[in-house]
Amino acid sequence: MVTITEGLAVDDTPIVRLDNGVLQVDVAPTVGGKIVNVLHKATGHQFLWHNARLKLERLSPGSEYDPNFYGGIDELLPNDIPEPLNGVASPDHGELWTLPLAAAITGHTLVMSG
């Protein structure tokens, strides 16, 4: 069974924690739904790299991705490199990683939308 905990934060950024007893996964809905941590509870092994020089924080849309990469896992929608898509300029690594998402918990499920 998965437990979901709200009211936690990393660098003052709210996170939601999912825990199945084996893995603990922290997600930051206000930072594009970034997966911040994947921790193996028995060994304490952190599977995701973090840039110790940066804080986890929301950046403005259109920000450069590489110098602001905190670590973790980001969803790159709709693109990777800055390029026009259907005639519309799309920023570095898309738009989703800088947008706040709403988080809703229903039972043992976390749904993010925005």
N, C-alpha and C. Protein backbone atom coordinates (compact mmCIF):
# COMPACT_ATOMS: atom_id res chain seq x y z
N MET A 1 0.84 -1.18 0.00
CA MET A 1 0.00 0.00 0.00
C MET A 1 0.89 1.25 0.00
N VAL A 2 0.43 2.26 -0.67
CA VAL A 2 1.17 3.52 -0.77
C VAL A 2 0.56 4.53 0.20
N THR A 3 1.42 5.19 0.96
CA THR A 3 0.96 6.31 1.77
C THR A 3 1.42 7.59 1.09
N ILE A 4 0.59 8.62 1.16
CA ILE A 4 0.90 9.91 0.55
C ILE A 4 0.84 10.96 1.64
N THR A 5 1.93 11.74 1.73
CA THR A 5 2.04 12.76 2.78
C THR A 5 2.24 14.12 2.15
N GLU A 6 1.41 15.07 2.56
CA GLU A 6 1.56 16.47 2.13
C GLU A 6 2.14 17.28 3.29
N GLY A 7 2.41 18.56 3.04
CA GLY A 7 2.88 19.44 4.09
C GLY A 7 4.37 19.38 4.34
N LEU A 8 5.12 18.75 3.44
CA LEU A 8 6.57 18.68 3.54
C LEU A 8 7.18 19.69 2.57
N ALA A 9 8.48 19.96 2.73
CA ALA A 9 9.13 20.91 1.84
C ALA A 9 10.60 20.56 1.67
N VAL A 10 11.14 20.91 0.52
CA VAL A 10 12.57 20.88 0.24
C VAL A 10 12.95 22.30 -0.18
N ASP A 11 13.88 22.91 0.51
CA ASP A 11 14.28 24.30 0.22
C ASP A 11 13.07 25.23 0.17
N ASP A 12 12.14 25.07 1.07
CA ASP A 12 10.91 25.87 1.15
C ASP A 12 9.94 25.64 0.00
N THR A 13 10.20 24.66 -0.85
CA THR A 13 9.29 24.31 -1.94
C THR A 13 8.44 23.12 -1.48
N PRO A 14 7.12 23.24 -1.55
CA PRO A 14 6.26 22.14 -1.10
C PRO A 14 6.49 20.87 -1.91
N ILE A 15 6.50 19.74 -1.22
CA ILE A 15 6.58 18.44 -1.88
C ILE A 15 5.48 17.53 -1.37
N VAL A 16 5.20 16.52 -2.16
CA VAL A 16 4.29 15.44 -1.76
C VAL A 16 5.13 14.17 -1.75
N ARG A 17 5.03 13.40 -0.67
CA ARG A 17 5.83 12.18 -0.53
C ARG A 17 4.95 10.95 -0.73
N LEU A 18 5.40 10.06 -1.60
CA LEU A 18 4.76 8.77 -1.81
C LEU A 18 5.69 7.71 -1.24
N ASP A 19 5.14 6.79 -0.45
CA ASP A 19 5.95 5.80 0.24
C ASP A 19 5.24 4.46 0.18
N ASN A 20 5.92 3.46 -0.41
CA ASN A 20 5.32 2.12 -0.47
C ASN A 20 6.00 1.14 0.47
N GLY A 21 6.81 1.66 1.39
CA GLY A 21 7.52 0.81 2.33
C GLY A 21 8.90 0.40 1.83
N VAL A 22 9.11 0.41 0.54
CA VAL A 22 10.41 0.09 -0.06
C VAL A 22 11.06 1.35 -0.61
N LEU A 23 10.29 2.12 -1.38
CA LEU A 23 10.79 3.36 -1.96
C LEU A 23 10.02 4.55 -1.40
N GLN A 24 10.74 5.65 -1.23
CA GLN A 24 10.14 6.92 -0.84
C GLN A 24 10.40 7.88 -2.00
N VAL A 25 9.34 8.42 -2.58
CA VAL A 25 9.44 9.29 -3.75
C VAL A 25 8.85 10.65 -3.40
N ASP A 26 9.64 11.71 -3.60
CA ASP A 26 9.19 13.07 -3.34
C ASP A 26 8.95 13.78 -4.66
N VAL A 27 7.79 14.41 -4.78
CA VAL A 27 7.38 15.11 -5.99
C VAL A 27 7.07 16.56 -5.63
N ALA A 28 7.48 17.49 -6.49
CA ALA A 28 7.25 18.92 -6.26
C ALA A 28 6.25 19.45 -7.30
N PRO A 29 4.95 19.43 -6.99
CA PRO A 29 3.95 19.89 -7.95
C PRO A 29 4.15 21.34 -8.40
N THR A 30 4.59 22.23 -7.50
CA THR A 30 4.72 23.64 -7.86
C THR A 30 5.92 23.92 -8.75
N VAL A 31 6.74 22.90 -8.98
CA VAL A 31 7.92 23.03 -9.84
C VAL A 31 7.76 22.05 -11.01
N GLY A 32 6.61 22.12 -11.67
CA GLY A 32 6.37 21.30 -12.85
C GLY A 32 6.19 19.82 -12.59
N GLY A 33 5.97 19.44 -11.34
CA GLY A 33 5.81 18.02 -11.03
C GLY A 33 7.13 17.27 -10.97
N LYS A 34 8.22 18.01 -10.78
CA LYS A 34 9.56 17.40 -10.72
C LYS A 34 9.59 16.29 -9.67
N ILE A 35 10.19 15.15 -10.04
CA ILE A 35 10.47 14.10 -9.06
C ILE A 35 11.81 14.47 -8.43
N VAL A 36 11.77 14.80 -7.16
CA VAL A 36 12.92 15.35 -6.46
C VAL A 36 13.80 14.26 -5.86
N ASN A 37 13.19 13.26 -5.26
CA ASN A 37 13.94 12.19 -4.59
C ASN A 37 13.32 10.84 -4.89
N VAL A 38 14.17 9.85 -5.05
CA VAL A 38 13.76 8.44 -5.06
C VAL A 38 14.74 7.74 -4.13
N LEU A 39 14.26 7.39 -2.95
CA LEU A 39 15.11 6.85 -1.90
C LEU A 39 14.73 5.39 -1.63
N HIS A 40 15.74 4.50 -1.62
CA HIS A 40 15.53 3.12 -1.20
C HIS A 40 15.64 3.11 0.31
N LYS A 41 14.53 2.83 0.97
CA LYS A 41 14.47 3.01 2.42
C LYS A 41 15.40 2.08 3.19
N ALA A 42 15.53 0.84 2.77
CA ALA A 42 16.34 -0.12 3.53
C ALA A 42 17.82 0.23 3.52
N THR A 43 18.31 0.77 2.41
CA THR A 43 19.74 1.07 2.29
C THR A 43 20.06 2.55 2.42
N GLY A 44 19.03 3.41 2.30
CA GLY A 44 19.27 4.85 2.32
C GLY A 44 19.84 5.37 1.01
N HIS A 45 19.85 4.52 -0.03
CA HIS A 45 20.42 4.94 -1.32
C HIS A 45 19.49 5.91 -2.03
N GLN A 46 20.03 7.09 -2.38
CA GLN A 46 19.31 8.10 -3.16
C GLN A 46 19.63 7.87 -4.63
N PHE A 47 18.61 7.60 -5.43
CA PHE A 47 18.83 7.28 -6.84
C PHE A 47 19.02 8.51 -7.72
N LEU A 48 18.63 9.68 -7.24
CA LEU A 48 18.68 10.88 -8.08
C LEU A 48 19.78 11.83 -7.63
N TRP A 49 20.46 12.41 -8.61
CA TRP A 49 21.51 13.39 -8.36
C TRP A 49 20.87 14.74 -8.07
N HIS A 50 21.53 15.54 -7.22
CA HIS A 50 21.10 16.91 -6.92
C HIS A 50 22.29 17.85 -7.04
N ASN A 51 22.06 19.02 -7.58
CA ASN A 51 23.09 20.05 -7.67
C ASN A 51 23.10 20.81 -6.35
N ALA A 52 24.11 20.60 -5.54
CA ALA A 52 24.18 21.20 -4.20
C ALA A 52 24.30 22.73 -4.25
N ARG A 53 24.62 23.29 -5.41
CA ARG A 53 24.76 24.75 -5.52
C ARG A 53 23.43 25.45 -5.78
N LEU A 54 22.38 24.68 -6.08
CA LEU A 54 21.09 25.29 -6.40
C LEU A 54 20.03 24.90 -5.39
N LYS A 55 19.06 25.79 -5.21
CA LYS A 55 17.89 25.50 -4.40
C LYS A 55 16.80 24.95 -5.31
N LEU A 56 15.95 24.11 -4.74
CA LEU A 56 14.75 23.70 -5.45
C LEU A 56 13.79 24.87 -5.39
N GLU A 57 13.50 25.46 -6.55
CA GLU A 57 12.60 26.61 -6.58
C GLU A 57 11.97 26.73 -7.95
N ARG A 58 10.83 27.39 -7.97
CA ARG A 58 10.14 27.63 -9.23
C ARG A 58 10.85 28.75 -9.98
N LEU A 59 11.06 28.53 -11.27
CA LEU A 59 11.70 29.53 -12.12
C LEU A 59 10.67 30.08 -13.10
N SER A 60 10.97 31.22 -13.65
CA SER A 60 10.02 31.84 -14.58
C SER A 60 10.04 31.09 -15.92
N PRO A 61 8.88 31.03 -16.58
CA PRO A 61 8.82 30.39 -17.90
C PRO A 61 9.85 31.02 -18.84
N GLY A 62 10.49 30.19 -19.64
CA GLY A 62 11.51 30.67 -20.57
C GLY A 62 12.91 30.67 -19.99
N SER A 63 13.05 30.29 -18.70
CA SER A 63 14.38 30.23 -18.09
C SER A 63 15.24 29.19 -18.80
N GLU A 64 16.55 29.43 -18.80
CA GLU A 64 17.46 28.44 -19.36
C GLU A 64 17.48 27.22 -18.45
N TYR A 65 17.46 26.05 -19.06
CA TYR A 65 17.37 24.81 -18.29
C TYR A 65 18.71 24.41 -17.67
N ASP A 66 19.74 24.26 -18.48
CA ASP A 66 21.00 23.68 -17.99
C ASP A 66 21.60 24.41 -16.79
N PRO A 67 21.73 25.74 -16.79
CA PRO A 67 22.33 26.38 -15.61
C PRO A 67 21.41 26.36 -14.38
N ASN A 68 20.16 25.97 -14.56
CA ASN A 68 19.19 25.92 -13.46
C ASN A 68 18.79 24.50 -13.10
N PHE A 69 19.51 23.49 -13.62
CA PHE A 69 19.12 22.10 -13.38
C PHE A 69 19.47 21.70 -11.96
N TYR A 70 18.46 21.59 -11.13
CA TYR A 70 18.60 21.21 -9.72
C TYR A 70 18.94 19.73 -9.57
N GLY A 71 18.48 18.94 -10.51
CA GLY A 71 18.61 17.49 -10.42
C GLY A 71 17.22 16.89 -10.38
N GLY A 72 17.15 15.60 -10.12
CA GLY A 72 15.86 14.93 -10.11
C GLY A 72 15.42 14.59 -11.52
N ILE A 73 14.11 14.49 -11.70
CA ILE A 73 13.54 14.13 -12.99
C ILE A 73 12.50 15.18 -13.37
N ASP A 74 12.66 15.77 -14.56
CA ASP A 74 11.70 16.73 -15.09
C ASP A 74 11.01 16.14 -16.31
N GLU A 75 9.79 16.55 -16.53
CA GLU A 75 9.08 16.20 -17.75
C GLU A 75 9.35 17.29 -18.76
N LEU A 76 9.84 16.92 -19.93
CA LEU A 76 10.19 17.90 -20.95
C LEU A 76 9.08 17.95 -22.00
N LEU A 77 8.12 18.81 -21.80
CA LEU A 77 7.01 18.94 -22.74
C LEU A 77 6.93 20.37 -23.22
N PRO A 78 6.76 20.63 -24.46
CA PRO A 78 6.62 19.67 -25.56
C PRO A 78 7.93 19.40 -26.30
N ASN A 79 9.07 19.89 -25.80
CA ASN A 79 10.31 19.79 -26.57
C ASN A 79 11.52 19.74 -25.64
N ASP A 80 12.70 19.52 -26.25
CA ASP A 80 13.95 19.52 -25.50
C ASP A 80 14.73 20.80 -25.77
N ILE A 81 15.12 21.03 -27.01
CA ILE A 81 15.89 22.23 -27.34
C ILE A 81 14.94 23.37 -27.68
N PRO A 82 15.37 24.62 -27.51
CA PRO A 82 14.51 25.74 -27.92
C PRO A 82 14.28 25.66 -29.43
N GLU A 83 13.02 25.60 -29.83
CA GLU A 83 12.70 25.48 -31.25
C GLU A 83 11.24 25.85 -31.47
N PRO A 84 10.91 26.27 -32.70
CA PRO A 84 9.50 26.53 -33.00
C PRO A 84 8.76 25.21 -33.24
N LEU A 85 7.58 25.11 -32.67
CA LEU A 85 6.71 23.96 -32.89
C LEU A 85 5.39 24.48 -33.43
N ASN A 86 5.06 24.07 -34.65
CA ASN A 86 3.86 24.57 -35.32
C ASN A 86 3.83 26.09 -35.36
N GLY A 87 5.00 26.68 -35.57
CA GLY A 87 5.10 28.13 -35.69
C GLY A 87 5.14 28.89 -34.37
N VAL A 88 5.15 28.18 -33.25
CA VAL A 88 5.19 28.81 -31.94
C VAL A 88 6.54 28.53 -31.30
N ALA A 89 7.22 29.58 -30.84
CA ALA A 89 8.52 29.40 -30.19
C ALA A 89 8.34 28.65 -28.88
N SER A 90 9.10 27.59 -28.70
CA SER A 90 9.04 26.80 -27.47
C SER A 90 10.37 26.95 -26.74
N PRO A 91 10.33 27.22 -25.43
CA PRO A 91 11.56 27.48 -24.68
C PRO A 91 12.38 26.22 -24.41
N ASP A 92 13.58 26.44 -23.92
CA ASP A 92 14.52 25.38 -23.55
C ASP A 92 13.84 24.36 -22.63
N HIS A 93 13.83 23.11 -23.03
CA HIS A 93 13.25 21.99 -22.28
C HIS A 93 11.74 22.15 -22.06
N GLY A 94 11.09 22.86 -22.95
CA GLY A 94 9.64 22.97 -22.90
C GLY A 94 9.14 23.91 -21.82
N GLU A 95 7.87 23.85 -21.59
CA GLU A 95 7.22 24.77 -20.66
C GLU A 95 6.87 24.15 -19.32
N LEU A 96 6.65 22.85 -19.29
CA LEU A 96 6.11 22.21 -18.09
C LEU A 96 7.02 22.35 -16.88
N TRP A 97 8.33 22.27 -17.06
CA TRP A 97 9.24 22.25 -15.91
C TRP A 97 9.21 23.55 -15.11
N THR A 98 8.68 24.64 -15.67
CA THR A 98 8.61 25.90 -14.93
C THR A 98 7.19 26.24 -14.46
N LEU A 99 6.23 25.40 -14.77
CA LEU A 99 4.84 25.71 -14.43
C LEU A 99 4.40 25.03 -13.14
N PRO A 100 3.62 25.75 -12.32
CA PRO A 100 3.07 25.10 -11.13
C PRO A 100 1.90 24.20 -11.53
N LEU A 101 1.82 23.05 -10.91
CA LEU A 101 0.73 22.12 -11.15
C LEU A 101 -0.10 21.99 -9.88
N ALA A 102 -1.38 21.76 -10.05
CA ALA A 102 -2.25 21.48 -8.92
C ALA A 102 -2.09 20.00 -8.57
N ALA A 103 -2.10 19.70 -7.28
CA ALA A 103 -1.97 18.31 -6.82
C ALA A 103 -3.25 17.91 -6.10
N ALA A 104 -3.80 16.77 -6.50
CA ALA A 104 -4.99 16.23 -5.84
C ALA A 104 -4.70 14.80 -5.43
N ILE A 105 -5.06 14.48 -4.20
CA ILE A 105 -4.86 13.12 -3.70
C ILE A 105 -6.22 12.47 -3.53
N THR A 106 -6.37 11.32 -4.17
CA THR A 106 -7.59 10.54 -4.06
C THR A 106 -7.18 9.13 -3.65
N GLY A 107 -7.48 8.78 -2.41
CA GLY A 107 -7.07 7.46 -1.92
C GLY A 107 -5.56 7.35 -1.90
N HIS A 108 -5.04 6.41 -2.69
CA HIS A 108 -3.60 6.19 -2.77
C HIS A 108 -3.02 6.69 -4.08
N THR A 109 -3.67 7.71 -4.66
CA THR A 109 -3.26 8.22 -5.97
C THR A 109 -3.01 9.72 -5.91
N LEU A 110 -1.88 10.15 -6.47
CA LEU A 110 -1.57 11.56 -6.62
C LEU A 110 -1.78 11.92 -8.08
N VAL A 111 -2.62 12.93 -8.33
CA VAL A 111 -2.87 13.41 -9.69
C VAL A 111 -2.46 14.87 -9.75
N MET A 112 -1.59 15.19 -10.73
CA MET A 112 -1.17 16.57 -10.92
C MET A 112 -1.73 17.07 -12.25
N SER A 113 -2.17 18.31 -12.25
CA SER A 113 -2.73 18.89 -13.47
C SER A 113 -2.44 20.38 -13.50
N GLY A 114 -2.50 20.92 -14.69
CA GLY A 114 -2.28 22.36 -14.79
C GLY A 114 -2.27 22.83 -16.20
